[in-house]
Amino acid sequence: MQKFSTHTGVAAPILRDNVNTDMVIPSKEMRRVSKTGLAEGLFAPWRYLNAAAREIDPNFVLNQAEYRDTSIIISGSNFGCGSSREHAVWALKEFGIRAIIAEGFGSIFFRNCVHNGILPIKLNRQHIDNIVAWVAAQPQQNQVSINLHDKYVLAKDKRYHFAVEGSDQEMLIEGLDQIAVTLKLQTEIDAFNAKDRESRPWV
């Protein structure tokens, strides 16, 4: 998993509430069983005037030149609600998204983000509006910075602090999945198994 410590990038506002995973990537765009080849279907209902023909909608933010190379999405409440499809996070990751700043997230989507190296950040609406207003003036120049070590978003020289669970912070900073985190305790696991074999040799 790709490590996340600090990141600076173009931030694109998709200021809608209840953006569900079918909007992030519709089921008909999930033609693969792997984690690759999904970015083209990201936000297909909004990104294309005709999804089948891949006719670009110039009004959608990610299609605009000012927001080229977007790596941060800013959104409203309950982002990633709906089905638990992990394809939504895989599509975002393959597109180049490293972080999502929103008022809130669907719980399963939030966990899927962390487990795939994308940082989900919760901020209140006033802070989000402040960041979006500054970014919108010059999206390519007014890039947003994120520091996971010290847990803040930096925009226009102002820091917006966010909360993150210690275990999530560890996974992202070290680039570890759940299995890798568990294997950090290999010595303790081996000791437990050895003791268990002594106390229960019949097992």
C-alpha atoms as a PDB file:
ATOM      1  CA  MET A   1       0.000   0.000   0.000  1.00  0.00           C
ATOM      2  CA  GLN A   2       1.283   3.476  -0.868  1.00  0.00           C
ATOM      3  CA  LYS A   3       2.462   5.422   2.153  1.00  0.00           C
ATOM      4  CA  PHE A   4       0.803   8.693   3.128  1.00  0.00           C
ATOM      5  CA  SER A   5       2.727  11.174   5.233  1.00  0.00           C
ATOM      6  CA  THR A   6       2.341  14.583   3.611  1.00  0.00           C
ATOM      7  CA  HIS A   7       0.749  15.541   0.328  1.00  0.00           C
ATOM      8  CA  THR A   8       0.212  18.723  -1.670  1.00  0.00           C
ATOM      9  CA  GLY A   9      -2.023  18.780  -4.703  1.00  0.00           C
ATOM     10  CA  VAL A  10      -4.846  20.279  -6.715  1.00  0.00           C
ATOM     11  CA  ALA A  11      -8.162  20.032  -4.864  1.00  0.00           C
ATOM     12  CA  ALA A  12     -11.404  19.735  -6.828  1.00  0.00           C
ATOM     13  CA  PRO A  13     -14.739  20.607  -5.204  1.00  0.00           C
ATOM     14  CA  ILE A  14     -17.638  18.220  -5.708  1.00  0.00           C
ATOM     15  CA  LEU A  15     -19.870  19.915  -3.173  1.00  0.00           C
ATOM     16  CA  ARG A  16     -22.747  17.479  -3.062  1.00  0.00           C
ATOM     17  CA  ASP A  17     -24.178  15.604  -0.109  1.00  0.00           C
ATOM     18  CA  ASN A  18     -24.825  11.848  -0.176  1.00  0.00           C
ATOM     19  CA  VAL A  19     -22.490  11.046  -3.062  1.00  0.00           C
ATOM     20  CA  ASN A  20     -23.021   7.297  -3.110  1.00  0.00           C
ATOM     21  CA  THR A  21     -20.693   4.631  -4.449  1.00  0.00           C
ATOM     22  CA  ASP A  22     -22.865   4.115  -7.534  1.00  0.00           C
ATOM     23  CA  MET A  23     -22.206   7.742  -8.436  1.00  0.00           C
ATOM     24  CA  VAL A  24     -18.494   7.259  -7.811  1.00  0.00           C
ATOM     25  CA  ILE A  25     -18.486   4.247 -10.124  1.00  0.00           C
ATOM     26  CA  PRO A  26     -21.727   2.761 -11.524  1.00  0.00           C
ATOM     27  CA  SER A  27     -22.071  -1.022 -11.519  1.00  0.00           C
ATOM     28  CA  LYS A  28     -21.986  -1.132 -15.343  1.00  0.00           C
ATOM     29  CA  GLU A  29     -18.486   0.379 -15.206  1.00  0.00           C
ATOM     30  CA  MET A  30     -17.201  -2.480 -13.055  1.00  0.00           C
ATOM     31  CA  ARG A  31     -16.268  -4.883 -15.820  1.00  0.00           C
ATOM     32  CA  ARG A  32     -13.103  -6.103 -14.139  1.00  0.00           C
ATOM     33  CA  VAL A  33     -12.382  -8.168 -11.056  1.00  0.00           C
ATOM     34  CA  SER A  34      -8.986  -6.515 -10.521  1.00  0.00           C
ATOM     35  CA  LYS A  35      -8.175  -3.145  -8.974  1.00  0.00           C
ATOM     36  CA  THR A  36      -7.014  -1.707 -12.299  1.00  0.00           C
ATOM     37  CA  GLY A  37      -8.846  -0.322 -15.304  1.00  0.00           C
ATOM     38  CA  LEU A  38     -11.529   1.409 -13.225  1.00  0.00           C
ATOM     39  CA  ALA A  39     -10.423   5.051 -13.363  1.00  0.00           C
ATOM     40  CA  GLU A  40     -12.101   5.629 -16.728  1.00  0.00           C
ATOM     41  CA  GLY A  41     -15.470   4.905 -15.129  1.00  0.00           C
ATOM     42  CA  LEU A  42     -14.932   7.226 -12.161  1.00  0.00           C
ATOM     43  CA  PHE A  43     -17.908   9.603 -11.737  1.00  0.00           C
ATOM     44  CA  ALA A  44     -19.179   8.388 -15.131  1.00  0.00           C
ATOM     45  CA  PRO A  45     -22.735   9.793 -14.668  1.00  0.00           C
ATOM     46  CA  TRP A  46     -21.301  13.312 -14.254  1.00  0.00           C
ATOM     47  CA  ARG A  47     -18.046  13.090 -16.145  1.00  0.00           C
ATOM     48  CA  TYR A  48     -19.610  12.136 -19.476  1.00  0.00           C
ATOM     49  CA  LEU A  49     -22.529  13.456 -21.491  1.00  0.00           C
ATOM     50  CA  ASN A  50     -22.696   9.988 -23.000  1.00  0.00           C
ATOM     51  CA  ALA A  51     -20.899   7.429 -20.843  1.00  0.00           C
ATOM     52  CA  ALA A  52     -21.010   4.695 -23.478  1.00  0.00           C
ATOM     53  CA  ALA A  53     -19.332   6.937 -26.061  1.00  0.00           C
ATOM     54  CA  ARG A  54     -17.094   8.581 -23.431  1.00  0.00           C
ATOM     55  CA  GLU A  55     -18.332  12.006 -24.548  1.00  0.00           C
ATOM     56  CA  ILE A  56     -16.810  14.433 -22.046  1.00  0.00           C
ATOM     57  CA  ASP A  57     -19.000  16.904 -20.161  1.00  0.00           C
ATOM     58  CA  PRO A  58     -16.940  20.116 -20.064  1.00  0.00           C
ATOM     59  CA  ASN A  59     -18.945  21.439 -17.118  1.00  0.00           C
ATOM     60  CA  PHE A  60     -17.846  18.694 -14.728  1.00  0.00           C
ATOM     61  CA  VAL A  61     -15.041  19.881 -12.502  1.00  0.00           C
ATOM     62  CA  LEU A  62     -12.607  17.026 -13.164  1.00  0.00           C
ATOM     63  CA  ASN A  63     -12.834  17.727 -16.912  1.00  0.00           C
ATOM     64  CA  GLN A  64     -11.831  21.360 -16.549  1.00  0.00           C
ATOM     65  CA  ALA A  65      -8.266  22.457 -17.300  1.00  0.00           C
ATOM     66  CA  GLU A  66      -8.083  24.418 -14.059  1.00  0.00           C
ATOM     67  CA  TYR A  67      -8.451  21.169 -12.136  1.00  0.00           C
ATOM     68  CA  ARG A  68      -6.146  18.943 -14.169  1.00  0.00           C
ATOM     69  CA  ASP A  69      -4.094  16.472 -12.113  1.00  0.00           C
ATOM     70  CA  THR A  70      -6.541  16.646  -9.212  1.00  0.00           C
ATOM     71  CA  SER A  71      -5.367  14.515  -6.289  1.00  0.00           C
ATOM     72  CA  ILE A  72      -7.711  15.811  -3.559  1.00  0.00           C
ATOM     73  CA  ILE A  73     -11.510  15.850  -3.656  1.00  0.00           C
ATOM     74  CA  ILE A  74     -13.559  18.165  -1.457  1.00  0.00           C
ATOM     75  CA  SER A  75     -17.180  17.218  -0.887  1.00  0.00           C
ATOM     76  CA  GLY A  76     -20.194  17.439   1.424  1.00  0.00           C
ATOM     77  CA  SER A  77     -21.729  15.110   3.969  1.00  0.00           C
ATOM     78  CA  ASN A  78     -22.054  11.317   3.782  1.00  0.00           C
ATOM     79  CA  PHE A  79     -19.586  10.869   0.926  1.00  0.00           C
ATOM     80  CA  GLY A  80     -19.333   7.242  -0.189  1.00  0.00           C
ATOM     81  CA  CYS A  81     -22.678   6.124   1.216  1.00  0.00           C
ATOM     82  CA  GLY A  82     -24.665   3.325  -0.401  1.00  0.00           C
ATOM     83  CA  SER A  83     -23.244  -0.042  -1.352  1.00  0.00           C
ATOM     84  CA  SER A  84     -20.027  -1.354   0.131  1.00  0.00           C
ATOM     85  CA  ARG A  85     -18.311  -1.826  -3.251  1.00  0.00           C
ATOM     86  CA  GLU A  86     -14.572  -1.378  -2.830  1.00  0.00           C
ATOM     87  CA  HIS A  87     -14.355  -0.621  -6.557  1.00  0.00           C
ATOM     88  CA  ALA A  88     -15.277   2.983  -5.734  1.00  0.00           C
ATOM     89  CA  VAL A  89     -12.070   3.434  -3.766  1.00  0.00           C
ATOM     90  CA  TRP A  90     -10.017   1.498  -6.323  1.00  0.00           C
ATOM     91  CA  ALA A  91     -11.271   3.825  -9.078  1.00  0.00           C
ATOM     92  CA  LEU A  92     -10.430   6.926  -7.040  1.00  0.00           C
ATOM     93  CA  LYS A  93      -6.969   5.605  -6.261  1.00  0.00           C
ATOM     94  CA  GLU A  94      -6.205   4.691  -9.867  1.00  0.00           C
ATOM     95  CA  PHE A  95      -7.357   8.150 -10.987  1.00  0.00           C
ATOM     96  CA  GLY A  96      -4.755   9.642  -8.644  1.00  0.00           C
ATOM     97  CA  ILE A  97      -6.844  10.683  -5.647  1.00  0.00           C
ATOM     98  CA  ARG A  98      -4.775  10.662  -2.440  1.00  0.00           C
ATOM     99  CA  ALA A  99      -7.245  12.301  -0.038  1.00  0.00           C
ATOM    100  CA  ILE A 100     -10.915  13.228   0.293  1.00  0.00           C
ATOM    101  CA  ILE A 101     -12.025  16.115   2.490  1.00  0.00           C
ATOM    102  CA  ALA A 102     -15.709  15.989   3.404  1.00  0.00           C
ATOM    103  CA  GLU A 103     -18.185  16.719   6.168  1.00  0.00           C
ATOM    104  CA  GLY A 104     -18.718  13.014   6.657  1.00  0.00           C
ATOM    105  CA  PHE A 105     -18.366   9.602   5.041  1.00  0.00           C
ATOM    106  CA  GLY A 106     -20.204   6.340   4.656  1.00  0.00           C
ATOM    107  CA  SER A 107     -18.657   4.111   7.309  1.00  0.00           C
ATOM    108  CA  ILE A 108     -17.645   1.219   5.035  1.00  0.00           C
ATOM    109  CA  PHE A 109     -16.316   3.590   2.379  1.00  0.00           C
ATOM    110  CA  PHE A 110     -14.243   5.357   5.055  1.00  0.00           C
ATOM    111  CA  ARG A 111     -12.621   2.069   6.090  1.00  0.00           C
ATOM    112  CA  ASN A 112     -12.039   1.080   2.459  1.00  0.00           C
ATOM    113  CA  CYS A 113     -10.222   4.369   1.887  1.00  0.00           C
ATOM    114  CA  VAL A 114      -7.846   3.792   4.784  1.00  0.00           C
ATOM    115  CA  HIS A 115      -7.211   0.191   3.728  1.00  0.00           C
ATOM    116  CA  ASN A 116      -6.257   1.348   0.229  1.00  0.00           C
ATOM    117  CA  GLY A 117      -4.022   4.291   1.092  1.00  0.00           C
ATOM    118  CA  ILE A 118      -6.505   7.151   0.602  1.00  0.00           C
ATOM    119  CA  LEU A 119      -6.839   9.557   3.528  1.00  0.00           C
ATOM    120  CA  PRO A 120     -10.468  10.483   4.399  1.00  0.00           C
ATOM    121  CA  ILE A 121     -10.592  13.786   6.321  1.00  0.00           C
ATOM    122  CA  LYS A 122     -13.623  15.140   8.142  1.00  0.00           C
ATOM    123  CA  LEU A 123     -13.939  18.928   8.402  1.00  0.00           C
ATOM    124  CA  ASN A 124     -16.941  21.101   9.176  1.00  0.00           C
ATOM    125  CA  ARG A 125     -18.769  22.915   6.389  1.00  0.00           C
ATOM    126  CA  GLN A 126     -17.403  26.361   7.207  1.00  0.00           C
ATOM    127  CA  HIS A 127     -13.829  25.118   6.921  1.00  0.00           C
ATOM    128  CA  ILE A 128     -14.669  23.325   3.683  1.00  0.00           C
ATOM    129  CA  ASP A 129     -16.262  26.456   2.230  1.00  0.00           C
ATOM    130  CA  ASN A 130     -13.193  28.505   3.202  1.00  0.00           C
ATOM    131  CA  ILE A 131     -10.851  26.059   1.475  1.00  0.00           C
ATOM    132  CA  VAL A 132     -13.007  25.803  -1.656  1.00  0.00           C
ATOM    133  CA  ALA A 133     -13.275  29.598  -1.996  1.00  0.00           C
ATOM    134  CA  TRP A 134      -9.498  29.955  -1.849  1.00  0.00           C
ATOM    135  CA  VAL A 135      -8.822  27.067  -4.230  1.00  0.00           C
ATOM    136  CA  ALA A 136     -11.394  28.246  -6.779  1.00  0.00           C
ATOM    137  CA  ALA A 137      -9.581  31.554  -7.319  1.00  0.00           C
ATOM    138  CA  GLN A 138      -6.563  29.770  -8.848  1.00  0.00           C
ATOM    139  CA  PRO A 139      -6.887  25.988  -8.602  1.00  0.00           C
ATOM    140  CA  GLN A 140      -3.463  25.170 -10.046  1.00  0.00           C
ATOM    141  CA  GLN A 141      -1.628  27.700  -7.893  1.00  0.00           C
ATOM    142  CA  ASN A 142      -3.717  27.441  -4.719  1.00  0.00           C
ATOM    143  CA  GLN A 143      -2.939  23.834  -3.943  1.00  0.00           C
ATOM    144  CA  VAL A 144      -3.942  22.214  -0.662  1.00  0.00           C
ATOM    145  CA  SER A 145      -1.384  20.593   1.632  1.00  0.00           C
ATOM    146  CA  ILE A 146      -2.087  17.785   4.087  1.00  0.00           C
ATOM    147  CA  ASN A 147       0.127  16.730   6.981  1.00  0.00           C
ATOM    148  CA  LEU A 148      -0.939  13.413   8.477  1.00  0.00           C
ATOM    149  CA  HIS A 149       1.769  13.425  11.152  1.00  0.00           C
ATOM    150  CA  ASP A 150       0.436  16.640  12.700  1.00  0.00           C
ATOM    151  CA  LYS A 151      -3.133  16.111  11.440  1.00  0.00           C
ATOM    152  CA  TYR A 152      -3.902  19.325   9.608  1.00  0.00           C
ATOM    153  CA  VAL A 153      -4.952  20.634   6.198  1.00  0.00           C
ATOM    154  CA  LEU A 154      -3.129  23.774   5.044  1.00  0.00           C
ATOM    155  CA  ALA A 155      -4.861  26.266   2.733  1.00  0.00           C
ATOM    156  CA  LYS A 156      -4.076  29.969   2.363  1.00  0.00           C
ATOM    157  CA  ASP A 157      -1.596  29.745   5.260  1.00  0.00           C
ATOM    158  CA  LYS A 158      -4.377  28.558   7.570  1.00  0.00           C
ATOM    159  CA  ARG A 159      -4.314  25.183   9.278  1.00  0.00           C
ATOM    160  CA  TYR A 160      -7.492  23.162   9.654  1.00  0.00           C
ATOM    161  CA  HIS A 161      -6.925  20.366  12.154  1.00  0.00           C
ATOM    162  CA  PHE A 162      -8.667  17.010  11.826  1.00  0.00           C
ATOM    163  CA  ALA A 163      -8.972  13.902  13.966  1.00  0.00           C
ATOM    164  CA  VAL A 164      -7.681  10.484  12.980  1.00  0.00           C
ATOM    165  CA  GLU A 165      -7.523   7.211  14.879  1.00  0.00           C
ATOM    166  CA  GLY A 166      -4.055   6.132  15.833  1.00  0.00           C
ATOM    167  CA  SER A 167      -4.367   2.791  14.058  1.00  0.00           C
ATOM    168  CA  ASP A 168      -5.501   4.481  10.829  1.00  0.00           C
ATOM    169  CA  GLN A 169      -2.676   6.987  11.058  1.00  0.00           C
ATOM    170  CA  GLU A 170      -0.179   4.159  11.534  1.00  0.00           C
ATOM    171  CA  MET A 171      -1.480   2.175   8.566  1.00  0.00           C
ATOM    172  CA  LEU A 172      -1.365   5.157   6.223  1.00  0.00           C
ATOM    173  CA  ILE A 173       1.988   6.569   7.297  1.00  0.00           C
ATOM    174  CA  GLU A 174       3.696   3.170   7.185  1.00  0.00           C
ATOM    175  CA  GLY A 175       1.823   1.982   4.105  1.00  0.00           C
ATOM    176  CA  LEU A 176       0.598  -1.172   5.826  1.00  0.00           C
ATOM    177  CA  ASP A 177      -2.544  -3.173   5.205  1.00  0.00           C
ATOM    178  CA  GLN A 178      -4.366  -4.969   8.039  1.00  0.00           C
ATOM    179  CA  ILE A 179      -2.358  -8.155   7.634  1.00  0.00           C
ATOM    180  CA  ALA A 180       0.947  -6.283   7.668  1.00  0.00           C
ATOM    181  CA  VAL A 181      -0.085  -4.437  10.836  1.00  0.00           C
ATOM    182  CA  THR A 182      -0.896  -7.764  12.498  1.00  0.00           C
ATOM    183  CA  LEU A 183       2.434  -9.254  11.408  1.00  0.00           C
ATOM    184  CA  LYS A 184       4.264  -6.522  13.311  1.00  0.00           C
ATOM    185  CA  LEU A 185       3.279  -8.594  16.349  1.00  0.00           C
ATOM    186  CA  GLN A 186       4.836 -11.756  14.908  1.00  0.00           C
ATOM    187  CA  THR A 187       7.075 -12.298  17.959  1.00  0.00           C
ATOM    188  CA  GLU A 188       4.116 -12.110  20.339  1.00  0.00           C
ATOM    189  CA  ILE A 189       2.050 -14.346  18.035  1.00  0.00           C
ATOM    190  CA  ASP A 190       4.789 -16.982  17.921  1.00  0.00           C
ATOM    191  CA  ALA A 191       5.185 -16.863  21.714  1.00  0.00           C
ATOM    192  CA  PHE A 192       1.440 -17.320  22.212  1.00  0.00           C
ATOM    193  CA  ASN A 193       1.325 -20.256  19.808  1.00  0.00           C
ATOM    194  CA  ALA A 194       4.293 -21.947  21.518  1.00  0.00           C
ATOM    195  CA  LYS A 195       2.708 -21.545  24.945  1.00  0.00           C
ATOM    196  CA  ASP A 196      -0.633 -22.799  23.614  1.00  0.00           C
ATOM    197  CA  ARG A 197       0.994 -25.913  22.149  1.00  0.00           C
ATOM    198  CA  GLU A 198       2.544 -26.669  25.559  1.00  0.00           C
ATOM    199  CA  SER A 199      -0.714 -26.249  27.436  1.00  0.00           C
ATOM    200  CA  ARG A 200      -2.849 -28.038  24.812  1.00  0.00           C
ATOM    201  CA  PRO A 201      -0.601 -30.623  23.095  1.00  0.00           C
ATOM    202  CA  TRP A 202      -3.640 -32.549  21.876  1.00  0.00           C
ATOM    203  CA  VAL A 203      -4.784 -29.708  19.615  1.00  0.00           C
END
